[in-house]
Amino acid sequence: MARLLRDLAPFDVTLGDDLPVRLRPLKKSDRERARRAYGLLSEESRMNRFWEKPRELSPSRAASLTDTDNRSHVAWVALPVEECEIPAYGAASFWRDEADSEDAELAFTVGDQWQRRGFATLLFSVLWFDGWRTGLRRFHGCCRRENVAMAAWWESVGGVVVPAGRQHELAFELVSPEDFVNRISFGMPSGPRPVEVAEWMRQWLDKFE
């Protein structure tokens, strides 16, 4: 069986602005952490991620977000390296399609003050890396039409965005991390975001050499 990043977690990385970050899978004991992080989101961010904006995350929703099994539902969280009042910078997860084990729905949550710092791209690379090694070949998702930042980010990493009524349908075809790094090394696809993903992928591959 292929070794996964989750086998090495937790581990620390540094974002481009020199912010140290600790990465690890989300777990059931993080339910209260998830509720505290949700409480810090703006109404717009809550609506973008959950399609609703209650002031508090319900216990049942917190349980569903943190009830992972490392295959059908996989979630990772980005945390401060040192314990502090910040419950989390952000988290991302995928839910594997019951009818098609090669396809999974992808979702992100990043705290308002930490958006546009590279957390989505970082977490995306982790889920891609471990997802590929457990048989995933496609990501899909959806976002509100008003969530132009998410649609733009998705396209910037090489995904497809299709307007569909009140939302955008999102699709992304995966390749192996090794092939993706090689493609970037030869200049395809171009753009800063794929290069950023490839830089993380190189770090993940190096961990298993």
C-alpha atoms as a PDB file:
ATOM      1  CA  MET A   1       0.000   0.000   0.000  1.00  0.00           C
ATOM      2  CA  ALA A   2       1.281   3.466  -0.893  1.00  0.00           C
ATOM      3  CA  ARG A   3       2.515   5.570   1.987  1.00  0.00           C
ATOM      4  CA  LEU A   4       0.487   8.692   2.628  1.00  0.00           C
ATOM      5  CA  LEU A   5       1.127  12.118   4.069  1.00  0.00           C
ATOM      6  CA  ARG A   6      -1.254  11.279   6.892  1.00  0.00           C
ATOM      7  CA  ASP A   7       1.288   8.633   7.995  1.00  0.00           C
ATOM      8  CA  LEU A   8       3.768  11.467   8.665  1.00  0.00           C
ATOM      9  CA  ALA A   9       1.387  13.946  10.295  1.00  0.00           C
ATOM     10  CA  PRO A  10       1.577  16.268  12.011  1.00  0.00           C
ATOM     11  CA  PHE A  11       4.299  18.124  10.164  1.00  0.00           C
ATOM     12  CA  ASP A  12       5.234  21.775   9.764  1.00  0.00           C
ATOM     13  CA  VAL A  13       5.655  23.876   6.632  1.00  0.00           C
ATOM     14  CA  THR A  14       6.202  27.559   5.923  1.00  0.00           C
ATOM     15  CA  LEU A  15       4.034  29.644   3.625  1.00  0.00           C
ATOM     16  CA  GLY A  16       5.560  32.103   1.183  1.00  0.00           C
ATOM     17  CA  ASP A  17       5.132  34.995   3.619  1.00  0.00           C
ATOM     18  CA  ASP A  18       7.173  33.073   6.230  1.00  0.00           C
ATOM     19  CA  LEU A  19       4.120  32.024   8.254  1.00  0.00           C
ATOM     20  CA  PRO A  20       4.782  28.682   9.974  1.00  0.00           C
ATOM     21  CA  VAL A  21       1.900  26.213   9.662  1.00  0.00           C
ATOM     22  CA  ARG A  22       1.212  22.808  11.188  1.00  0.00           C
ATOM     23  CA  LEU A  23      -0.681  20.330   9.015  1.00  0.00           C
ATOM     24  CA  ARG A  24      -2.533  17.244  10.154  1.00  0.00           C
ATOM     25  CA  PRO A  25      -5.736  15.330   9.427  1.00  0.00           C
ATOM     26  CA  LEU A  26      -8.878  16.603  11.105  1.00  0.00           C
ATOM     27  CA  LYS A  27     -10.265  14.224  13.728  1.00  0.00           C
ATOM     28  CA  LYS A  28     -13.297  13.730  15.931  1.00  0.00           C
ATOM     29  CA  SER A  29     -11.653  15.458  18.875  1.00  0.00           C
ATOM     30  CA  ASP A  30     -11.580  18.654  16.753  1.00  0.00           C
ATOM     31  CA  ARG A  31     -15.336  19.203  16.981  1.00  0.00           C
ATOM     32  CA  GLU A  32     -15.064  22.072  19.435  1.00  0.00           C
ATOM     33  CA  ARG A  33     -12.172  23.539  17.432  1.00  0.00           C
ATOM     34  CA  ALA A  34     -14.399  23.464  14.333  1.00  0.00           C
ATOM     35  CA  ARG A  35     -17.202  25.237  16.178  1.00  0.00           C
ATOM     36  CA  ARG A  36     -14.839  27.952  17.435  1.00  0.00           C
ATOM     37  CA  ALA A  37     -13.353  28.457  13.967  1.00  0.00           C
ATOM     38  CA  TYR A  38     -16.810  28.704  12.443  1.00  0.00           C
ATOM     39  CA  GLY A  39     -17.759  31.381  14.947  1.00  0.00           C
ATOM     40  CA  LEU A  40     -14.931  33.581  13.633  1.00  0.00           C
ATOM     41  CA  LEU A  41     -16.101  33.446  10.005  1.00  0.00           C
ATOM     42  CA  SER A  42     -17.928  36.374   8.464  1.00  0.00           C
ATOM     43  CA  GLU A  43     -21.490  35.881   7.257  1.00  0.00           C
ATOM     44  CA  GLU A  44     -20.246  35.923   3.668  1.00  0.00           C
ATOM     45  CA  SER A  45     -17.657  33.213   4.352  1.00  0.00           C
ATOM     46  CA  ARG A  46     -20.208  31.063   6.173  1.00  0.00           C
ATOM     47  CA  MET A  47     -22.591  31.407   3.241  1.00  0.00           C
ATOM     48  CA  ASN A  48     -19.870  30.605   0.695  1.00  0.00           C
ATOM     49  CA  ARG A  49     -18.846  27.429   2.487  1.00  0.00           C
ATOM     50  CA  PHE A  50     -22.053  26.141   4.063  1.00  0.00           C
ATOM     51  CA  TRP A  51     -24.753  27.832   1.940  1.00  0.00           C
ATOM     52  CA  GLU A  52     -26.284  29.140   5.159  1.00  0.00           C
ATOM     53  CA  LYS A  53     -25.146  31.538   7.838  1.00  0.00           C
ATOM     54  CA  PRO A  54     -26.313  30.622  11.331  1.00  0.00           C
ATOM     55  CA  ARG A  55     -24.217  32.309  13.996  1.00  0.00           C
ATOM     56  CA  GLU A  56     -23.115  28.976  15.452  1.00  0.00           C
ATOM     57  CA  LEU A  57     -22.146  25.640  13.943  1.00  0.00           C
ATOM     58  CA  SER A  58     -24.570  23.003  15.166  1.00  0.00           C
ATOM     59  CA  PRO A  59     -23.193  19.977  17.044  1.00  0.00           C
ATOM     60  CA  SER A  60     -24.463  17.678  14.282  1.00  0.00           C
ATOM     61  CA  ARG A  61     -22.730  19.686  11.550  1.00  0.00           C
ATOM     62  CA  ALA A  62     -19.514  19.830  13.590  1.00  0.00           C
ATOM     63  CA  ALA A  63     -19.703  16.064  13.997  1.00  0.00           C
ATOM     64  CA  SER A  64     -20.201  15.481  10.246  1.00  0.00           C
ATOM     65  CA  LEU A  65     -17.223  17.706   9.400  1.00  0.00           C
ATOM     66  CA  THR A  66     -14.857  15.953  11.799  1.00  0.00           C
ATOM     67  CA  ASP A  67     -16.134  12.366  11.446  1.00  0.00           C
ATOM     68  CA  THR A  68     -13.444  11.252   9.007  1.00  0.00           C
ATOM     69  CA  ASP A  69     -12.461   7.722   8.030  1.00  0.00           C
ATOM     70  CA  ASN A  70      -9.266   8.455   6.020  1.00  0.00           C
ATOM     71  CA  ARG A  71     -10.810   7.155   2.783  1.00  0.00           C
ATOM     72  CA  SER A  72     -14.431   8.084   2.081  1.00  0.00           C
ATOM     73  CA  HIS A  73     -14.195  11.320   4.047  1.00  0.00           C
ATOM     74  CA  VAL A  74     -10.746  12.865   4.342  1.00  0.00           C
ATOM     75  CA  ALA A  75     -10.091  16.255   5.935  1.00  0.00           C
ATOM     76  CA  TRP A  76      -6.952  18.213   6.812  1.00  0.00           C
ATOM     77  CA  VAL A  77      -6.520  21.282   8.967  1.00  0.00           C
ATOM     78  CA  ALA A  78      -3.895  24.041   8.911  1.00  0.00           C
ATOM     79  CA  LEU A  79      -3.019  25.207  12.420  1.00  0.00           C
ATOM     80  CA  PRO A  80      -0.684  27.672  14.127  1.00  0.00           C
ATOM     81  CA  VAL A  81       2.528  25.909  15.150  1.00  0.00           C
ATOM     82  CA  GLU A  82       2.262  27.350  18.652  1.00  0.00           C
ATOM     83  CA  GLU A  83      -0.928  27.074  20.686  1.00  0.00           C
ATOM     84  CA  CYS A  84      -2.790  30.384  20.658  1.00  0.00           C
ATOM     85  CA  GLU A  85      -6.272  31.842  20.487  1.00  0.00           C
ATOM     86  CA  ILE A  86      -6.562  31.028  16.762  1.00  0.00           C
ATOM     87  CA  PRO A  87      -8.424  27.688  16.492  1.00  0.00           C
ATOM     88  CA  ALA A  88      -7.309  27.103  12.875  1.00  0.00           C
ATOM     89  CA  TYR A  89      -6.227  28.959   9.761  1.00  0.00           C
ATOM     90  CA  GLY A  90      -8.291  26.769   7.490  1.00  0.00           C
ATOM     91  CA  ALA A  91      -9.338  23.252   6.558  1.00  0.00           C
ATOM     92  CA  ALA A  92     -10.201  21.270   3.453  1.00  0.00           C
ATOM     93  CA  SER A  93     -11.889  17.953   2.873  1.00  0.00           C
ATOM     94  CA  PHE A  94     -13.168  15.564   0.269  1.00  0.00           C
ATOM     95  CA  TRP A  95     -16.067  13.132   0.280  1.00  0.00           C
ATOM     96  CA  ARG A  96     -15.625  10.187  -2.081  1.00  0.00           C
ATOM     97  CA  ASP A  97     -18.560   9.424  -4.359  1.00  0.00           C
ATOM     98  CA  GLU A  98     -20.279   6.234  -3.216  1.00  0.00           C
ATOM     99  CA  ALA A  99     -21.058   5.270  -6.822  1.00  0.00           C
ATOM    100  CA  ASP A 100     -17.618   6.167  -8.214  1.00  0.00           C
ATOM    101  CA  SER A 101     -14.652   5.714  -5.891  1.00  0.00           C
ATOM    102  CA  GLU A 102     -12.395   7.646  -8.303  1.00  0.00           C
ATOM    103  CA  ASP A 103     -14.408  10.852  -7.849  1.00  0.00           C
ATOM    104  CA  ALA A 104     -14.774  13.065  -4.760  1.00  0.00           C
ATOM    105  CA  GLU A 105     -16.373  16.346  -3.786  1.00  0.00           C
ATOM    106  CA  LEU A 106     -13.830  18.916  -2.588  1.00  0.00           C
ATOM    107  CA  ALA A 107     -14.515  21.764  -0.151  1.00  0.00           C
ATOM    108  CA  PHE A 108     -12.465  24.454   1.611  1.00  0.00           C
ATOM    109  CA  THR A 109     -12.856  26.743   4.598  1.00  0.00           C
ATOM    110  CA  VAL A 110     -10.283  29.478   5.283  1.00  0.00           C
ATOM    111  CA  GLY A 111     -10.662  32.101   7.998  1.00  0.00           C
ATOM    112  CA  ASP A 112     -11.378  35.584   6.660  1.00  0.00           C
ATOM    113  CA  GLN A 113      -8.133  37.155   7.837  1.00  0.00           C
ATOM    114  CA  TRP A 114      -6.126  34.262   6.368  1.00  0.00           C
ATOM    115  CA  GLN A 115      -7.660  34.232   2.908  1.00  0.00           C
ATOM    116  CA  ARG A 116      -5.426  34.888  -0.108  1.00  0.00           C
ATOM    117  CA  ARG A 117      -2.394  33.704   1.831  1.00  0.00           C
ATOM    118  CA  GLY A 118      -2.049  30.329   0.050  1.00  0.00           C
ATOM    119  CA  PHE A 119      -3.916  28.049   2.469  1.00  0.00           C
ATOM    120  CA  ALA A 120      -6.370  26.708  -0.120  1.00  0.00           C
ATOM    121  CA  THR A 121      -3.527  25.840  -2.487  1.00  0.00           C
ATOM    122  CA  LEU A 122      -1.533  24.188   0.295  1.00  0.00           C
ATOM    123  CA  LEU A 123      -4.458  22.066   1.484  1.00  0.00           C
ATOM    124  CA  PHE A 124      -5.430  21.262  -2.088  1.00  0.00           C
ATOM    125  CA  SER A 125      -1.974  19.816  -2.726  1.00  0.00           C
ATOM    126  CA  VAL A 126      -2.232  17.580   0.353  1.00  0.00           C
ATOM    127  CA  LEU A 127      -5.666  16.211  -0.568  1.00  0.00           C
ATOM    128  CA  TRP A 128      -4.547  15.695  -4.168  1.00  0.00           C
ATOM    129  CA  PHE A 129      -1.396  13.855  -3.053  1.00  0.00           C
ATOM    130  CA  ASP A 130      -3.074  11.445  -0.633  1.00  0.00           C
ATOM    131  CA  GLY A 131      -6.230  11.225  -2.750  1.00  0.00           C
ATOM    132  CA  TRP A 132      -4.267  10.066  -5.787  1.00  0.00           C
ATOM    133  CA  ARG A 133      -2.477   7.428  -3.725  1.00  0.00           C
ATOM    134  CA  THR A 134      -5.823   6.072  -2.534  1.00  0.00           C
ATOM    135  CA  GLY A 135      -7.356   5.865  -6.005  1.00  0.00           C
ATOM    136  CA  LEU A 136      -8.915   9.296  -6.622  1.00  0.00           C
ATOM    137  CA  ARG A 137      -8.772  10.565 -10.182  1.00  0.00           C
ATOM    138  CA  ARG A 138     -11.211  13.502 -10.157  1.00  0.00           C
ATOM    139  CA  PHE A 139     -12.400  16.276  -7.873  1.00  0.00           C
ATOM    140  CA  HIS A 140     -15.690  18.066  -8.264  1.00  0.00           C
ATOM    141  CA  GLY A 141     -17.511  20.733  -6.319  1.00  0.00           C
ATOM    142  CA  CYS A 142     -19.781  23.732  -6.574  1.00  0.00           C
ATOM    143  CA  CYS A 143     -19.758  27.317  -5.389  1.00  0.00           C
ATOM    144  CA  ARG A 144     -22.176  30.214  -5.275  1.00  0.00           C
ATOM    145  CA  ARG A 145     -22.115  32.472  -8.301  1.00  0.00           C
ATOM    146  CA  GLU A 146     -21.291  35.296  -5.898  1.00  0.00           C
ATOM    147  CA  ASN A 147     -18.180  33.451  -4.742  1.00  0.00           C
ATOM    148  CA  VAL A 148     -16.013  34.838  -7.527  1.00  0.00           C
ATOM    149  CA  ALA A 149     -12.806  34.281  -5.530  1.00  0.00           C
ATOM    150  CA  MET A 150     -13.397  30.522  -5.371  1.00  0.00           C
ATOM    151  CA  ALA A 151     -14.271  30.289  -9.067  1.00  0.00           C
ATOM    152  CA  ALA A 152     -11.166  32.279  -9.988  1.00  0.00           C
ATOM    153  CA  TRP A 153      -8.956  30.139  -7.735  1.00  0.00           C
ATOM    154  CA  TRP A 154     -10.361  26.923  -9.213  1.00  0.00           C
ATOM    155  CA  GLU A 155      -9.621  28.066 -12.739  1.00  0.00           C
ATOM    156  CA  SER A 156      -6.167  29.270 -11.706  1.00  0.00           C
ATOM    157  CA  VAL A 157      -5.116  25.764 -10.608  1.00  0.00           C
ATOM    158  CA  GLY A 158      -6.333  24.295 -13.898  1.00  0.00           C
ATOM    159  CA  GLY A 159      -9.900  23.317 -13.056  1.00  0.00           C
ATOM    160  CA  VAL A 160     -13.053  23.814 -15.103  1.00  0.00           C
ATOM    161  CA  VAL A 161     -15.819  26.169 -13.961  1.00  0.00           C
ATOM    162  CA  VAL A 162     -19.271  25.850 -15.560  1.00  0.00           C
ATOM    163  CA  PRO A 163     -22.028  28.360 -14.635  1.00  0.00           C
ATOM    164  CA  ALA A 164     -25.234  26.527 -13.690  1.00  0.00           C
ATOM    165  CA  GLY A 165     -28.097  28.663 -12.434  1.00  0.00           C
ATOM    166  CA  ARG A 166     -27.339  30.063  -8.978  1.00  0.00           C
ATOM    167  CA  GLN A 167     -24.029  28.229  -8.713  1.00  0.00           C
ATOM    168  CA  HIS A 168     -20.880  27.223 -10.549  1.00  0.00           C
ATOM    169  CA  GLU A 169     -20.154  23.543 -11.144  1.00  0.00           C
ATOM    170  CA  LEU A 170     -16.467  22.753 -10.614  1.00  0.00           C
ATOM    171  CA  ALA A 171     -14.401  19.906 -12.047  1.00  0.00           C
ATOM    172  CA  PHE A 172     -10.723  18.954 -11.853  1.00  0.00           C
ATOM    173  CA  GLU A 173      -8.991  15.979 -13.476  1.00  0.00           C
ATOM    174  CA  LEU A 174      -6.123  14.645 -11.380  1.00  0.00           C
ATOM    175  CA  VAL A 175      -2.810  13.309 -12.615  1.00  0.00           C
ATOM    176  CA  SER A 176      -0.164  11.650 -10.511  1.00  0.00           C
ATOM    177  CA  PRO A 177       1.885  14.069  -8.380  1.00  0.00           C
ATOM    178  CA  GLU A 178       5.031  12.903 -10.176  1.00  0.00           C
ATOM    179  CA  ASP A 179       3.539  13.619 -13.616  1.00  0.00           C
ATOM    180  CA  PHE A 180       2.223  16.986 -12.484  1.00  0.00           C
ATOM    181  CA  VAL A 181       5.633  18.078 -11.191  1.00  0.00           C
ATOM    182  CA  ASN A 182       7.230  16.977 -14.463  1.00  0.00           C
ATOM    183  CA  ARG A 183       4.673  18.915 -16.505  1.00  0.00           C
ATOM    184  CA  ILE A 184       5.337  22.078 -14.522  1.00  0.00           C
ATOM    185  CA  SER A 185       9.089  21.575 -14.902  1.00  0.00           C
ATOM    186  CA  PHE A 186       8.590  21.701 -18.678  1.00  0.00           C
ATOM    187  CA  GLY A 187       6.355  24.758 -18.517  1.00  0.00           C
ATOM    188  CA  MET A 188       2.897  23.219 -18.875  1.00  0.00           C
ATOM    189  CA  PRO A 189       0.460  24.248 -17.669  1.00  0.00           C
ATOM    190  CA  SER A 190       1.667  27.793 -17.097  1.00  0.00           C
ATOM    191  CA  GLY A 191       0.710  30.252 -14.391  1.00  0.00           C
ATOM    192  CA  PRO A 192       1.797  30.962 -10.818  1.00  0.00           C
ATOM    193  CA  ARG A 193      -0.829  28.813  -9.064  1.00  0.00           C
ATOM    194  CA  PRO A 194       0.076  25.478 -10.732  1.00  0.00           C
ATOM    195  CA  VAL A 195       3.729  26.269 -10.008  1.00  0.00           C
ATOM    196  CA  GLU A 196       2.810  26.794  -6.346  1.00  0.00           C
ATOM    197  CA  VAL A 197       0.981  23.455  -6.244  1.00  0.00           C
ATOM    198  CA  ALA A 198       3.977  21.750  -7.871  1.00  0.00           C
ATOM    199  CA  GLU A 199       6.343  23.234  -5.282  1.00  0.00           C
ATOM    200  CA  TRP A 200       4.269  21.672  -2.503  1.00  0.00           C
ATOM    201  CA  MET A 201       4.084  18.396  -4.428  1.00  0.00           C
ATOM    202  CA  ARG A 202       7.876  18.311  -4.630  1.00  0.00           C
ATOM    203  CA  GLN A 203       8.047  18.657  -0.853  1.00  0.00           C
ATOM    204  CA  TRP A 204       5.567  15.809  -0.397  1.00  0.00           C
ATOM    205  CA  LEU A 205       7.428  13.549  -2.817  1.00  0.00           C
ATOM    206  CA  ASP A 206      10.729  14.317  -1.096  1.00  0.00           C
ATOM    207  CA  LYS A 207       9.295  13.050   2.179  1.00  0.00           C
ATOM    208  CA  PHE A 208       9.144   9.530   0.739  1.00  0.00           C
ATOM    209  CA  GLU A 209      12.559   9.356  -0.893  1.00  0.00           C
END
